[in-house]
Amino acid sequence: MTKKILVVDDEENILISLEFLLQRAGYDVAVAHDGDEALAQAERFAPDLILLDVMMPKKDGYEVCRLLRQDPRHEACKIVLLTAKGRDIDRAKGLAQGADDYLTKPFSTKELLEHVERLLAPGTV
């Protein structure tokens, strides 16, 4: 069964490039442009993994992550925070909100795919 990935970012060029990259890698992909849309898409699309920008309008990635983690329907979904905030305190905050991984922008497409594949590998908790 094809794994489903939700990409959430308020920058259209990032959404388009990540959507293309992930579809080419064989994933079923949906996108959202802000925190509210991310929560709605998570309900409709039921992704296996979410690539979640931290700095967005309406609700930031930390809040979206926290809200998803409070909902038992999303407990199996993996969440990767994507952000330009690279300080240790920012990473710790993201992981404390329930993120499974944290990637600092800019990142290589190879690095991103490695993180996605590792998190979606069978047996990964």
PDB file of N, CA and C in Angstrom:
ATOM      1  N   MET A   1       0.833  -1.176   0.000  1.00  0.00           N
ATOM      2  CA  MET A   1       0.000   0.000   0.000  1.00  0.00           C
ATOM      3  C   MET A   1       0.884   1.249   0.000  1.00  0.00           C
ATOM      4  N   THR A   2       0.531   2.226  -0.808  1.00  0.00           N
ATOM      5  CA  THR A   2       1.304   3.455  -0.923  1.00  0.00           C
ATOM      6  C   THR A   2       1.166   4.292   0.344  1.00  0.00           C
ATOM      7  N   LYS A   3       2.294   4.737   0.857  1.00  0.00           N
ATOM      8  CA  LYS A   3       2.297   5.585   2.056  1.00  0.00           C
ATOM      9  C   LYS A   3       1.855   6.996   1.673  1.00  0.00           C
ATOM     10  N   LYS A   4       1.138   7.640   2.606  1.00  0.00           N
ATOM     11  CA  LYS A   4       0.602   8.977   2.368  1.00  0.00           C
ATOM     12  C   LYS A   4       1.373  10.007   3.199  1.00  0.00           C
ATOM     13  N   ILE A   5       1.755  11.096   2.505  1.00  0.00           N
ATOM     14  CA  ILE A   5       2.512  12.168   3.153  1.00  0.00           C
ATOM     15  C   ILE A   5       1.788  13.494   2.949  1.00  0.00           C
ATOM     16  N   LEU A   6       1.617  14.229   4.034  1.00  0.00           N
ATOM     17  CA  LEU A   6       1.068  15.580   3.992  1.00  0.00           C
ATOM     18  C   LEU A   6       2.228  16.558   4.129  1.00  0.00           C
ATOM     19  N   VAL A   7       2.345  17.482   3.170  1.00  0.00           N
ATOM     20  CA  VAL A   7       3.383  18.509   3.200  1.00  0.00           C
ATOM     21  C   VAL A   7       2.712  19.829   3.564  1.00  0.00           C
ATOM     22  N   VAL A   8       3.210  20.473   4.618  1.00  0.00           N
ATOM     23  CA  VAL A   8       2.613  21.713   5.100  1.00  0.00           C
ATOM     24  C   VAL A   8       3.670  22.810   5.113  1.00  0.00           C
ATOM     25  N   ASP A   9       3.446  23.842   4.310  1.00  0.00           N
ATOM     26  CA  ASP A   9       4.372  24.976   4.258  1.00  0.00           C
ATOM     27  C   ASP A   9       3.630  26.160   3.653  1.00  0.00           C
ATOM     28  N   ASP A  10       3.924  27.358   4.117  1.00  0.00           N
ATOM     29  CA  ASP A  10       3.260  28.539   3.569  1.00  0.00           C
ATOM     30  C   ASP A  10       3.993  29.092   2.348  1.00  0.00           C
ATOM     31  N   GLU A  11       5.126  28.515   1.985  1.00  0.00           N
ATOM     32  CA  GLU A  11       5.859  28.942   0.788  1.00  0.00           C
ATOM     33  C   GLU A  11       5.510  28.004  -0.366  1.00  0.00           C
ATOM     34  N   GLU A  12       4.833  28.547  -1.360  1.00  0.00           N
ATOM     35  CA  GLU A  12       4.324  27.750  -2.475  1.00  0.00           C
ATOM     36  C   GLU A  12       5.436  26.997  -3.210  1.00  0.00           C
ATOM     37  N   ASN A  13       6.596  27.638  -3.409  1.00  0.00           N
ATOM     38  CA  ASN A  13       7.677  26.965  -4.140  1.00  0.00           C
ATOM     39  C   ASN A  13       8.200  25.739  -3.393  1.00  0.00           C
ATOM     40  N   ILE A  14       8.196  25.783  -2.073  1.00  0.00           N
ATOM     41  CA  ILE A  14       8.615  24.620  -1.280  1.00  0.00           C
ATOM     42  C   ILE A  14       7.569  23.516  -1.404  1.00  0.00           C
ATOM     43  N   LEU A  15       6.289  23.893  -1.316  1.00  0.00           N
ATOM     44  CA  LEU A  15       5.214  22.899  -1.465  1.00  0.00           C
ATOM     45  C   LEU A  15       5.307  22.174  -2.800  1.00  0.00           C
ATOM     46  N   ILE A  16       5.459  22.942  -3.861  1.00  0.00           N
ATOM     47  CA  ILE A  16       5.502  22.354  -5.203  1.00  0.00           C
ATOM     48  C   ILE A  16       6.697  21.422  -5.352  1.00  0.00           C
ATOM     49  N   SER A  17       7.870  21.868  -4.905  1.00  0.00           N
ATOM     50  CA  SER A  17       9.063  21.037  -5.084  1.00  0.00           C
ATOM     51  C   SER A  17       9.012  19.771  -4.226  1.00  0.00           C
ATOM     52  N   LEU A  18       8.529  19.878  -2.984  1.00  0.00           N
ATOM     53  CA  LEU A  18       8.435  18.684  -2.132  1.00  0.00           C
ATOM     54  C   LEU A  18       7.352  17.737  -2.626  1.00  0.00           C
ATOM     55  N   GLU A  19       6.243  18.281  -3.093  1.00  0.00           N
ATOM     56  CA  GLU A  19       5.187  17.438  -3.643  1.00  0.00           C
ATOM     57  C   GLU A  19       5.715  16.638  -4.842  1.00  0.00           C
ATOM     58  N   PHE A  20       6.422  17.306  -5.739  1.00  0.00           N
ATOM     59  CA  PHE A  20       6.988  16.639  -6.915  1.00  0.00           C
ATOM     60  C   PHE A  20       8.003  15.563  -6.503  1.00  0.00           C
ATOM     61  N   LEU A  21       8.909  15.920  -5.609  1.00  0.00           N
ATOM     62  CA  LEU A  21       9.941  14.996  -5.148  1.00  0.00           C
ATOM     63  C   LEU A  21       9.327  13.741  -4.532  1.00  0.00           C
ATOM     64  N   LEU A  22       8.359  13.919  -3.664  1.00  0.00           N
ATOM     65  CA  LEU A  22       7.755  12.788  -2.955  1.00  0.00           C
ATOM     66  C   LEU A  22       6.874  11.937  -3.867  1.00  0.00           C
ATOM     67  N   GLN A  23       6.168  12.568  -4.786  1.00  0.00           N
ATOM     68  CA  GLN A  23       5.379  11.799  -5.750  1.00  0.00           C
ATOM     69  C   GLN A  23       6.301  10.972  -6.641  1.00  0.00           C
ATOM     70  N   ARG A  24       7.399  11.561  -7.051  1.00  0.00           N
ATOM     71  CA  ARG A  24       8.372  10.844  -7.882  1.00  0.00           C
ATOM     72  C   ARG A  24       8.975   9.659  -7.135  1.00  0.00           C
ATOM     73  N   ALA A  25       9.055   9.776  -5.805  1.00  0.00           N
ATOM     74  CA  ALA A  25       9.583   8.690  -4.970  1.00  0.00           C
ATOM     75  C   ALA A  25       8.518   7.635  -4.680  1.00  0.00           C
ATOM     76  N   GLY A  26       7.285   7.852  -5.171  1.00  0.00           N
ATOM     77  CA  GLY A  26       6.249   6.844  -5.050  1.00  0.00           C
ATOM     78  C   GLY A  26       5.237   7.040  -3.934  1.00  0.00           C
ATOM     79  N   TYR A  27       5.242   8.212  -3.312  1.00  0.00           N
ATOM     80  CA  TYR A  27       4.304   8.477  -2.220  1.00  0.00           C
ATOM     81  C   TYR A  27       3.042   9.170  -2.734  1.00  0.00           C
ATOM     82  N   ASP A  28       1.941   8.977  -2.017  1.00  0.00           N
ATOM     83  CA  ASP A  28       0.700   9.696  -2.251  1.00  0.00           C
ATOM     84  C   ASP A  28       0.807  10.978  -1.430  1.00  0.00           C
ATOM     85  N   VAL A  29       0.677  12.147  -2.068  1.00  0.00           N
ATOM     86  CA  VAL A  29       0.986  13.408  -1.406  1.00  0.00           C
ATOM     87  C   VAL A  29      -0.205  14.366  -1.423  1.00  0.00           C
ATOM     88  N   ALA A  30      -0.442  15.014  -0.288  1.00  0.00           N
ATOM     89  CA  ALA A  30      -1.388  16.117  -0.171  1.00  0.00           C
ATOM     90  C   ALA A  30      -0.619  17.305   0.397  1.00  0.00           C
ATOM     91  N   VAL A  31      -1.151  18.503   0.192  1.00  0.00           N
ATOM     92  CA  VAL A  31      -0.474  19.708   0.682  1.00  0.00           C
ATOM     93  C   VAL A  31      -1.439  20.586   1.480  1.00  0.00           C
ATOM     94  N   ALA A  32      -0.850  21.418   2.343  1.00  0.00           N
ATOM     95  CA  ALA A  32      -1.599  22.422   3.098  1.00  0.00           C
ATOM     96  C   ALA A  32      -0.709  23.660   3.210  1.00  0.00           C
ATOM     97  N   HIS A  33      -1.352  24.835   3.292  1.00  0.00           N
ATOM     98  CA  HIS A  33      -0.624  26.109   3.260  1.00  0.00           C
ATOM     99  C   HIS A  33      -0.497  26.804   4.609  1.00  0.00           C
ATOM    100  N   ASP A  34      -1.219  26.326   5.621  1.00  0.00           N
ATOM    101  CA  ASP A  34      -1.141  26.943   6.949  1.00  0.00           C
ATOM    102  C   ASP A  34      -1.565  25.910   7.995  1.00  0.00           C
ATOM    103  N   GLY A  35      -1.487  26.318   9.249  1.00  0.00           N
ATOM    104  CA  GLY A  35      -1.772  25.388  10.334  1.00  0.00           C
ATOM    105  C   GLY A  35      -3.201  24.878  10.366  1.00  0.00           C
ATOM    106  N   ASP A  36      -4.165  25.756  10.110  1.00  0.00           N
ATOM    107  CA  ASP A  36      -5.563  25.327  10.114  1.00  0.00           C
ATOM    108  C   ASP A  36      -5.836  24.331   8.992  1.00  0.00           C
ATOM    109  N   GLU A  37      -5.316  24.631   7.810  1.00  0.00           N
ATOM    110  CA  GLU A  37      -5.493  23.726   6.673  1.00  0.00           C
ATOM    111  C   GLU A  37      -4.795  22.394   6.938  1.00  0.00           C
ATOM    112  N   ALA A  38      -3.666  22.430   7.629  1.00  0.00           N
ATOM    113  CA  ALA A  38      -2.940  21.193   7.966  1.00  0.00           C
ATOM    114  C   ALA A  38      -3.791  20.279   8.833  1.00  0.00           C
ATOM    115  N   LEU A  39      -4.448  20.849   9.836  1.00  0.00           N
ATOM    116  CA  LEU A  39      -5.291  20.044  10.719  1.00  0.00           C
ATOM    117  C   LEU A  39      -6.477  19.447   9.950  1.00  0.00           C
ATOM    118  N   ALA A  40      -7.083  20.246   9.072  1.00  0.00           N
ATOM    119  CA  ALA A  40      -8.204  19.757   8.270  1.00  0.00           C
ATOM    120  C   ALA A  40      -7.749  18.648   7.313  1.00  0.00           C
ATOM    121  N   GLN A  41      -6.604  18.840   6.675  1.00  0.00           N
ATOM    122  CA  GLN A  41      -6.077  17.827   5.752  1.00  0.00           C
ATOM    123  C   GLN A  41      -5.704  16.549   6.492  1.00  0.00           C
ATOM    124  N   ALA A  42      -5.187  16.679   7.690  1.00  0.00           N
ATOM    125  CA  ALA A  42      -4.833  15.494   8.476  1.00  0.00           C
ATOM    126  C   ALA A  42      -6.083  14.650   8.735  1.00  0.00           C
ATOM    127  N   GLU A  43      -7.209  15.299   8.953  1.00  0.00           N
ATOM    128  CA  GLU A  43      -8.470  14.580   9.170  1.00  0.00           C
ATOM    129  C   GLU A  43      -8.931  13.879   7.893  1.00  0.00           C
ATOM    130  N   ARG A  44      -8.910  14.601   6.772  1.00  0.00           N
ATOM    131  CA  ARG A  44      -9.408  14.053   5.501  1.00  0.00           C
ATOM    132  C   ARG A  44      -8.479  13.013   4.897  1.00  0.00           C
ATOM    133  N   PHE A  45      -7.182  13.298   4.910  1.00  0.00           N
ATOM    134  CA  PHE A  45      -6.189  12.519   4.160  1.00  0.00           C
ATOM    135  C   PHE A  45      -5.606  11.363   4.973  1.00  0.00           C
ATOM    136  N   ALA A  46      -5.622  11.486   6.298  1.00  0.00           N
ATOM    137  CA  ALA A  46      -5.059  10.471   7.206  1.00  0.00           C
ATOM    138  C   ALA A  46      -3.650  10.053   6.782  1.00  0.00           C
ATOM    139  N   PRO A  47      -2.700  11.002   6.826  1.00  0.00           N
ATOM    140  CA  PRO A  47      -1.345  10.701   6.359  1.00  0.00           C
ATOM    141  C   PRO A  47      -0.578   9.762   7.297  1.00  0.00           C
ATOM    142  N   ASP A  48       0.390   9.071   6.707  1.00  0.00           N
ATOM    143  CA  ASP A  48       1.313   8.253   7.487  1.00  0.00           C
ATOM    144  C   ASP A  48       2.431   9.119   8.055  1.00  0.00           C
ATOM    145  N   LEU A  49       2.707  10.233   7.364  1.00  0.00           N
ATOM    146  CA  LEU A  49       3.785  11.137   7.772  1.00  0.00           C
ATOM    147  C   LEU A  49       3.408  12.551   7.373  1.00  0.00           C
ATOM    148  N   ILE A  50       3.799  13.517   8.202  1.00  0.00           N
ATOM    149  CA  ILE A  50       3.573  14.935   7.901  1.00  0.00           C
ATOM    150  C   ILE A  50       4.910  15.652   7.926  1.00  0.00           C
ATOM    151  N   LEU A  51       5.207  16.378   6.853  1.00  0.00           N
ATOM    152  CA  LEU A  51       6.342  17.292   6.807  1.00  0.00           C
ATOM    153  C   LEU A  51       5.771  18.661   7.138  1.00  0.00           C
ATOM    154  N   LEU A  52       6.147  19.213   8.272  1.00  0.00           N
ATOM    155  CA  LEU A  52       5.457  20.358   8.858  1.00  0.00           C
ATOM    156  C   LEU A  52       6.401  21.528   9.092  1.00  0.00           C
ATOM    157  N   ASP A  53       6.171  22.603   8.355  1.00  0.00           N
ATOM    158  CA  ASP A  53       6.932  23.835   8.555  1.00  0.00           C
ATOM    159  C   ASP A  53       6.606  24.395   9.933  1.00  0.00           C
ATOM    160  N   VAL A  54       7.568  25.030  10.572  1.00  0.00           N
ATOM    161  CA  VAL A  54       7.329  25.585  11.901  1.00  0.00           C
ATOM    162  C   VAL A  54       6.701  26.969  11.810  1.00  0.00           C
ATOM    163  N   MET A  55       7.264  27.851  10.999  1.00  0.00           N
ATOM    164  CA  MET A  55       6.794  29.237  10.942  1.00  0.00           C
ATOM    165  C   MET A  55       5.746  29.393   9.835  1.00  0.00           C
ATOM    166  N   MET A  56       4.469  29.414  10.272  1.00  0.00           N
ATOM    167  CA  MET A  56       3.341  29.529   9.342  1.00  0.00           C
ATOM    168  C   MET A  56       2.271  30.427   9.932  1.00  0.00           C
ATOM    169  N   PRO A  57       1.375  30.930   9.070  1.00  0.00           N
ATOM    170  CA  PRO A  57       0.252  31.724   9.580  1.00  0.00           C
ATOM    171  C   PRO A  57      -0.804  30.841  10.246  1.00  0.00           C
ATOM    172  N   LYS A  58      -1.661  31.487  11.006  1.00  0.00           N
ATOM    173  CA  LYS A  58      -2.811  30.895  11.714  1.00  0.00           C
ATOM    174  C   LYS A  58      -2.377  30.048  12.896  1.00  0.00           C
ATOM    175  N   LYS A  59      -1.742  28.902  12.663  1.00  0.00           N
ATOM    176  CA  LYS A  59      -1.169  28.087  13.736  1.00  0.00           C
ATOM    177  C   LYS A  59       0.233  27.699  13.288  1.00  0.00           C
ATOM    178  N   ASP A  60       1.217  27.858  14.172  1.00  0.00           N
ATOM    179  CA  ASP A  60       2.568  27.458  13.784  1.00  0.00           C
ATOM    180  C   ASP A  60       2.715  25.934  13.874  1.00  0.00           C
ATOM    181  N   GLY A  61       3.813  25.439  13.367  1.00  0.00           N
ATOM    182  CA  GLY A  61       4.039  24.002  13.329  1.00  0.00           C
ATOM    183  C   GLY A  61       4.088  23.360  14.703  1.00  0.00           C
ATOM    184  N   TYR A  62       4.611  24.082  15.688  1.00  0.00           N
ATOM    185  CA  TYR A  62       4.641  23.536  17.051  1.00  0.00           C
ATOM    186  C   TYR A  62       3.220  23.271  17.555  1.00  0.00           C
ATOM    187  N   GLU A  63       2.329  24.236  17.332  1.00  0.00           N
ATOM    188  CA  GLU A  63       0.950  24.079  17.804  1.00  0.00           C
ATOM    189  C   GLU A  63       0.230  22.967  17.044  1.00  0.00           C
ATOM    190  N   VAL A  64       0.428  22.912  15.729  1.00  0.00           N
ATOM    191  CA  VAL A  64      -0.191  21.848  14.936  1.00  0.00           C
ATOM    192  C   VAL A  64       0.294  20.485  15.421  1.00  0.00           C
ATOM    193  N   CYS A  65       1.576  20.366  15.660  1.00  0.00           N
ATOM    194  CA  CYS A  65       2.153  19.108  16.148  1.00  0.00           C
ATOM    195  C   CYS A  65       1.536  18.723  17.490  1.00  0.00           C
ATOM    196  N   ARG A  66       1.461  19.679  18.389  1.00  0.00           N
ATOM    197  CA  ARG A  66       0.890  19.425  19.715  1.00  0.00           C
ATOM    198  C   ARG A  66      -0.570  18.979  19.616  1.00  0.00           C
ATOM    199  N   LEU A  67      -1.351  19.651  18.772  1.00  0.00           N
ATOM    200  CA  LEU A  67      -2.768  19.303  18.615  1.00  0.00           C
ATOM    201  C   LEU A  67      -2.934  17.913  18.000  1.00  0.00           C
ATOM    202  N   LEU A  68      -2.108  17.584  17.027  1.00  0.00           N
ATOM    203  CA  LEU A  68      -2.183  16.254  16.421  1.00  0.00           C
ATOM    204  C   LEU A  68      -1.820  15.172  17.434  1.00  0.00           C
ATOM    205  N   ARG A  69      -0.835  15.439  18.255  1.00  0.00           N
ATOM    206  CA  ARG A  69      -0.405  14.453  19.255  1.00  0.00           C
ATOM    207  C   ARG A  69      -1.437  14.256  20.359  1.00  0.00           C
ATOM    208  N   GLN A  70      -2.293  15.229  20.572  1.00  0.00           N
ATOM    209  CA  GLN A  70      -3.350  15.097  21.581  1.00  0.00           C
ATOM    210  C   GLN A  70      -4.507  14.245  21.070  1.00  0.00           C
ATOM    211  N   ASP A  71      -4.565  14.019  19.770  1.00  0.00           N
ATOM    212  CA  ASP A  71      -5.660  13.276  19.150  1.00  0.00           C
ATOM    213  C   ASP A  71      -5.225  11.831  18.902  1.00  0.00           C
ATOM    214  N   PRO A  72      -5.826  10.860  19.579  1.00  0.00           N
ATOM    215  CA  PRO A  72      -5.401   9.461  19.434  1.00  0.00           C
ATOM    216  C   PRO A  72      -5.511   8.924  18.003  1.00  0.00           C
ATOM    217  N   ARG A  73      -6.333   9.555  17.167  1.00  0.00           N
ATOM    218  CA  ARG A  73      -6.456   9.101  15.776  1.00  0.00           C
ATOM    219  C   ARG A  73      -5.171   9.318  14.981  1.00  0.00           C
ATOM    220  N   HIS A  74      -4.304  10.193  15.479  1.00  0.00           N
ATOM    221  CA  HIS A  74      -3.069  10.517  14.755  1.00  0.00           C
ATOM    222  C   HIS A  74      -1.812  10.009  15.451  1.00  0.00           C
ATOM    223  N   GLU A  75      -1.975   9.126  16.438  1.00  0.00           N
ATOM    224  CA  GLU A  75      -0.815   8.692  17.214  1.00  0.00           C
ATOM    225  C   GLU A  75       0.207   7.928  16.377  1.00  0.00           C
ATOM    226  N   ALA A  76      -0.222   7.251  15.328  1.00  0.00           N
ATOM    227  CA  ALA A  76       0.719   6.480  14.502  1.00  0.00           C
ATOM    228  C   ALA A  76       1.377   7.336  13.424  1.00  0.00           C
ATOM    229  N   CYS A  77       0.864   8.524  13.186  1.00  0.00           N
ATOM    230  CA  CYS A  77       1.412   9.413  12.149  1.00  0.00           C
ATOM    231  C   CYS A  77       2.769   9.961  12.603  1.00  0.00           C
ATOM    232  N   LYS A  78       3.740   9.892  11.723  1.00  0.00           N
ATOM    233  CA  LYS A  78       5.054  10.461  12.001  1.00  0.00           C
ATOM    234  C   LYS A  78       5.041  11.935  11.620  1.00  0.00           C
ATOM    235  N   ILE A  79       5.708  12.766  12.403  1.00  0.00           N
ATOM    236  CA  ILE A  79       5.758  14.200  12.138  1.00  0.00           C
ATOM    237  C   ILE A  79       7.218  14.649  12.089  1.00  0.00           C
ATOM    238  N   VAL A  80       7.568  15.306  10.976  1.00  0.00           N
ATOM    239  CA  VAL A  80       8.904  15.872  10.808  1.00  0.00           C
ATOM    240  C   VAL A  80       8.744  17.385  10.715  1.00  0.00           C
ATOM    241  N   LEU A  81       9.329  18.109  11.642  1.00  0.00           N
ATOM    242  CA  LEU A  81       9.313  19.567  11.593  1.00  0.00           C
ATOM    243  C   LEU A  81      10.414  20.045  10.661  1.00  0.00           C
ATOM    244  N   LEU A  82      10.051  20.977   9.787  1.00  0.00           N
ATOM    245  CA  LEU A  82      10.998  21.592   8.860  1.00  0.00           C
ATOM    246  C   LEU A  82      11.082  23.071   9.210  1.00  0.00           C
ATOM    247  N   THR A  83      12.292  23.574   9.451  1.00  0.00           N
ATOM    248  CA  THR A  83      12.389  24.963   9.878  1.00  0.00           C
ATOM    249  C   THR A  83      13.769  25.548   9.638  1.00  0.00           C
ATOM    250  N   ALA A  84      13.800  26.858   9.552  1.00  0.00           N
ATOM    251  CA  ALA A  84      15.069  27.574   9.480  1.00  0.00           C
ATOM    252  C   ALA A  84      15.643  27.781  10.879  1.00  0.00           C
ATOM    253  N   LYS A  85      14.850  27.470  11.903  1.00  0.00           N
ATOM    254  CA  LYS A  85      15.302  27.622  13.287  1.00  0.00           C
ATOM    255  C   LYS A  85      16.170  26.420  13.657  1.00  0.00           C
ATOM    256  N   GLY A  86      17.475  26.629  13.721  1.00  0.00           N
ATOM    257  CA  GLY A  86      18.374  25.517  13.944  1.00  0.00           C
ATOM    258  C   GLY A  86      18.983  25.427  15.328  1.00  0.00           C
ATOM    259  N   ARG A  87      18.561  26.285  16.236  1.00  0.00           N
ATOM    260  CA  ARG A  87      19.150  26.242  17.575  1.00  0.00           C
ATOM    261  C   ARG A  87      18.684  25.008  18.327  1.00  0.00           C
ATOM    262  N   ASP A  88      19.511  24.549  19.252  1.00  0.00           N
ATOM    263  CA  ASP A  88      19.174  23.367  20.047  1.00  0.00           C
ATOM    264  C   ASP A  88      17.854  23.540  20.792  1.00  0.00           C
ATOM    265  N   ILE A  89      17.593  24.751  21.285  1.00  0.00           N
ATOM    266  CA  ILE A  89      16.355  24.987  22.039  1.00  0.00           C
ATOM    267  C   ILE A  89      15.133  24.833  21.142  1.00  0.00           C
ATOM    268  N   ASP A  90      15.246  25.239  19.865  1.00  0.00           N
ATOM    269  CA  ASP A  90      14.127  25.099  18.930  1.00  0.00           C
ATOM    270  C   ASP A  90      13.867  23.624  18.628  1.00  0.00           C
ATOM    271  N   ARG A  91      14.941  22.883  18.440  1.00  0.00           N
ATOM    272  CA  ARG A  91      14.819  21.438  18.200  1.00  0.00           C
ATOM    273  C   ARG A  91      14.175  20.745  19.409  1.00  0.00           C
ATOM    274  N   ALA A  92      14.641  21.100  20.600  1.00  0.00           N
ATOM    275  CA  ALA A  92      14.098  20.506  21.824  1.00  0.00           C
ATOM    276  C   ALA A  92      12.616  20.833  21.966  1.00  0.00           C
ATOM    277  N   LYS A  93      12.227  22.047  21.629  1.00  0.00           N
ATOM    278  CA  LYS A  93      10.822  22.441  21.708  1.00  0.00           C
ATOM    279  C   LYS A  93       9.987  21.592  20.741  1.00  0.00           C
ATOM    280  N   GLY A  94      10.477  21.400  19.526  1.00  0.00           N
ATOM    281  CA  GLY A  94       9.756  20.597  18.543  1.00  0.00           C
ATOM    282  C   GLY A  94       9.588  19.153  18.985  1.00  0.00           C
ATOM    283  N   LEU A  95      10.644  18.578  19.495  1.00  0.00           N
ATOM    284  CA  LEU A  95      10.572  17.186  19.959  1.00  0.00           C
ATOM    285  C   LEU A  95       9.666  17.071  21.184  1.00  0.00           C
ATOM    286  N   ALA A  96       9.675  18.099  22.042  1.00  0.00           N
ATOM    287  CA  ALA A  96       8.807  18.096  23.221  1.00  0.00           C
ATOM    288  C   ALA A  96       7.326  18.185  22.828  1.00  0.00           C
ATOM    289  N   GLN A  97       7.041  18.800  21.677  1.00  0.00           N
ATOM    290  CA  GLN A  97       5.655  18.893  21.205  1.00  0.00           C
ATOM    291  C   GLN A  97       5.189  17.582  20.573  1.00  0.00           C
ATOM    292  N   GLY A  98       6.130  16.643  20.368  1.00  0.00           N
ATOM    293  CA  GLY A  98       5.749  15.340  19.837  1.00  0.00           C
ATOM    294  C   GLY A  98       6.280  15.019  18.466  1.00  0.00           C
ATOM    295  N   ALA A  99       7.131  15.876  17.911  1.00  0.00           N
ATOM    296  CA  ALA A  99       7.699  15.594  16.590  1.00  0.00           C
ATOM    297  C   ALA A  99       8.612  14.367  16.670  1.00  0.00           C
ATOM    298  N   ASP A 100       8.633  13.596  15.587  1.00  0.00           N
ATOM    299  CA  ASP A 100       9.498  12.420  15.508  1.00  0.00           C
ATOM    300  C   ASP A 100      10.884  12.778  14.986  1.00  0.00           C
ATOM    301  N   ASP A 101      10.960  13.891  14.266  1.00  0.00           N
ATOM    302  CA  ASP A 101      12.225  14.295  13.663  1.00  0.00           C
ATOM    303  C   ASP A 101      12.172  15.795  13.421  1.00  0.00           C
ATOM    304  N   TYR A 102      13.347  16.373  13.143  1.00  0.00           N
ATOM    305  CA  TYR A 102      13.481  17.820  13.004  1.00  0.00           C
ATOM    306  C   TYR A 102      14.560  18.072  11.967  1.00  0.00           C
ATOM    307  N   LEU A 103      14.207  18.713  10.861  1.00  0.00           N
ATOM    308  CA  LEU A 103      15.174  19.025   9.812  1.00  0.00           C
ATOM    309  C   LEU A 103      15.302  20.536   9.668  1.00  0.00           C
ATOM    310  N   THR A 104      16.534  21.012   9.621  1.00  0.00           N
ATOM    311  CA  THR A 104      16.790  22.438   9.487  1.00  0.00           C
ATOM    312  C   THR A 104      16.940  22.805   8.016  1.00  0.00           C
ATOM    313  N   LYS A 105      16.224  23.861   7.606  1.00  0.00           N
ATOM    314  CA  LYS A 105      16.344  24.392   6.245  1.00  0.00           C
ATOM    315  C   LYS A 105      17.628  25.210   6.167  1.00  0.00           C
ATOM    316  N   PRO A 106      18.325  25.192   5.060  1.00  0.00           N
ATOM    317  CA  PRO A 106      18.054  24.370   3.885  1.00  0.00           C
ATOM    318  C   PRO A 106      18.548  22.939   4.101  1.00  0.00           C
ATOM    319  N   PHE A 107      17.861  21.995   3.503  1.00  0.00           N
ATOM    320  CA  PHE A 107      18.245  20.596   3.565  1.00  0.00           C
ATOM    321  C   PHE A 107      18.304  20.066   2.141  1.00  0.00           C
ATOM    322  N   SER A 108      19.049  19.001   1.955  1.00  0.00           N
ATOM    323  CA  SER A 108      19.116  18.409   0.618  1.00  0.00           C
ATOM    324  C   SER A 108      17.924  17.478   0.424  1.00  0.00           C
ATOM    325  N   THR A 109      17.537  17.304  -0.824  1.00  0.00           N
ATOM    326  CA  THR A 109      16.421  16.391  -1.105  1.00  0.00           C
ATOM    327  C   THR A 109      16.799  14.969  -0.721  1.00  0.00           C
ATOM    328  N   LYS A 110      18.061  14.624  -0.892  1.00  0.00           N
ATOM    329  CA  LYS A 110      18.519  13.287  -0.503  1.00  0.00           C
ATOM    330  C   LYS A 110      18.358  13.086   1.005  1.00  0.00           C
ATOM    331  N   GLU A 111      18.759  14.090   1.775  1.00  0.00           N
ATOM    332  CA  GLU A 111      18.637  14.017   3.233  1.00  0.00           C
ATOM    333  C   GLU A 111      17.166  13.889   3.645  1.00  0.00           C
ATOM    334  N   LEU A 112      16.297  14.675   3.019  1.00  0.00           N
ATOM    335  CA  LEU A 112      14.877  14.613   3.343  1.00  0.00           C
ATOM    336  C   LEU A 112      14.316  13.226   3.052  1.00  0.00           C
ATOM    337  N   LEU A 113      14.614  12.676   1.882  1.00  0.00           N
ATOM    338  CA  LEU A 113      14.109  11.347   1.537  1.00  0.00           C
ATOM    339  C   LEU A 113      14.638  10.275   2.482  1.00  0.00           C
ATOM    340  N   GLU A 114      15.875  10.400   2.925  1.00  0.00           N
ATOM    341  CA  GLU A 114      16.428   9.441   3.884  1.00  0.00           C
ATOM    342  C   GLU A 114      15.647   9.468   5.192  1.00  0.00           C
ATOM    343  N   HIS A 115      15.309  10.668   5.665  1.00  0.00           N
ATOM    344  CA  HIS A 115      14.529  10.792   6.907  1.00  0.00           C
ATOM    345  C   HIS A 115      13.137  10.194   6.724  1.00  0.00           C
ATOM    346  N   VAL A 116      12.488  10.499   5.595  1.00  0.00           N
ATOM    347  CA  VAL A 116      11.144   9.987   5.316  1.00  0.00           C
ATOM    348  C   VAL A 116      11.164   8.467   5.253  1.00  0.00           C
ATOM    349  N   GLU A 117      12.106   7.914   4.498  1.00  0.00           N
ATOM    350  CA  GLU A 117      12.182   6.455   4.337  1.00  0.00           C
ATOM    351  C   GLU A 117      12.457   5.758   5.666  1.00  0.00           C
ATOM    352  N   ARG A 118      13.317   6.350   6.480  1.00  0.00           N
ATOM    353  CA  ARG A 118      13.623   5.763   7.794  1.00  0.00           C
ATOM    354  C   ARG A 118      12.388   5.758   8.688  1.00  0.00           C
ATOM    355  N   LEU A 119      11.657   6.873   8.709  1.00  0.00           N
ATOM    356  CA  LEU A 119      10.478   6.955   9.569  1.00  0.00           C
ATOM    357  C   LEU A 119       9.323   6.075   9.093  1.00  0.00           C
ATOM    358  N   LEU A 120       9.250   5.838   7.802  1.00  0.00           N
ATOM    359  CA  LEU A 120       8.151   5.024   7.260  1.00  0.00           C
ATOM    360  C   LEU A 120       8.514   3.561   7.090  1.00  0.00           C
ATOM    361  N   ALA A 121       9.729   3.196   7.461  1.00  0.00           N
ATOM    362  CA  ALA A 121      10.155   1.797   7.347  1.00  0.00           C
ATOM    363  C   ALA A 121       9.320   0.916   8.278  1.00  0.00           C
ATOM    364  N   PRO A 122       8.997  -0.289   7.829  1.00  0.00           N
ATOM    365  CA  PRO A 122       8.215  -1.199   8.698  1.00  0.00           C
ATOM    366  C   PRO A 122       8.933  -1.426  10.035  1.00  0.00           C
ATOM    367  N   GLY A 123       8.151  -1.429  11.091  1.00  0.00           N
ATOM    368  CA  GLY A 123       8.709  -1.665  12.409  1.00  0.00           C
ATOM    369  C   GLY A 123       9.219  -0.427  13.107  1.00  0.00           C
ATOM    370  N   THR A 124       9.176   0.746  12.426  1.00  0.00           N
ATOM    371  CA  THR A 124       9.626   1.975  13.045  1.00  0.00           C
ATOM    372  C   THR A 124       8.536   2.487  13.971  1.00  0.00           C
ATOM    373  N   VAL A 125       8.919   2.732  15.206  1.00  0.00           N
ATOM    374  CA  VAL A 125       7.937   3.212  16.190  1.00  0.00           C
ATOM    375  C   VAL A 125       8.085   4.694  16.391  1.00  0.00           C
TER     376      VAL A 125
END
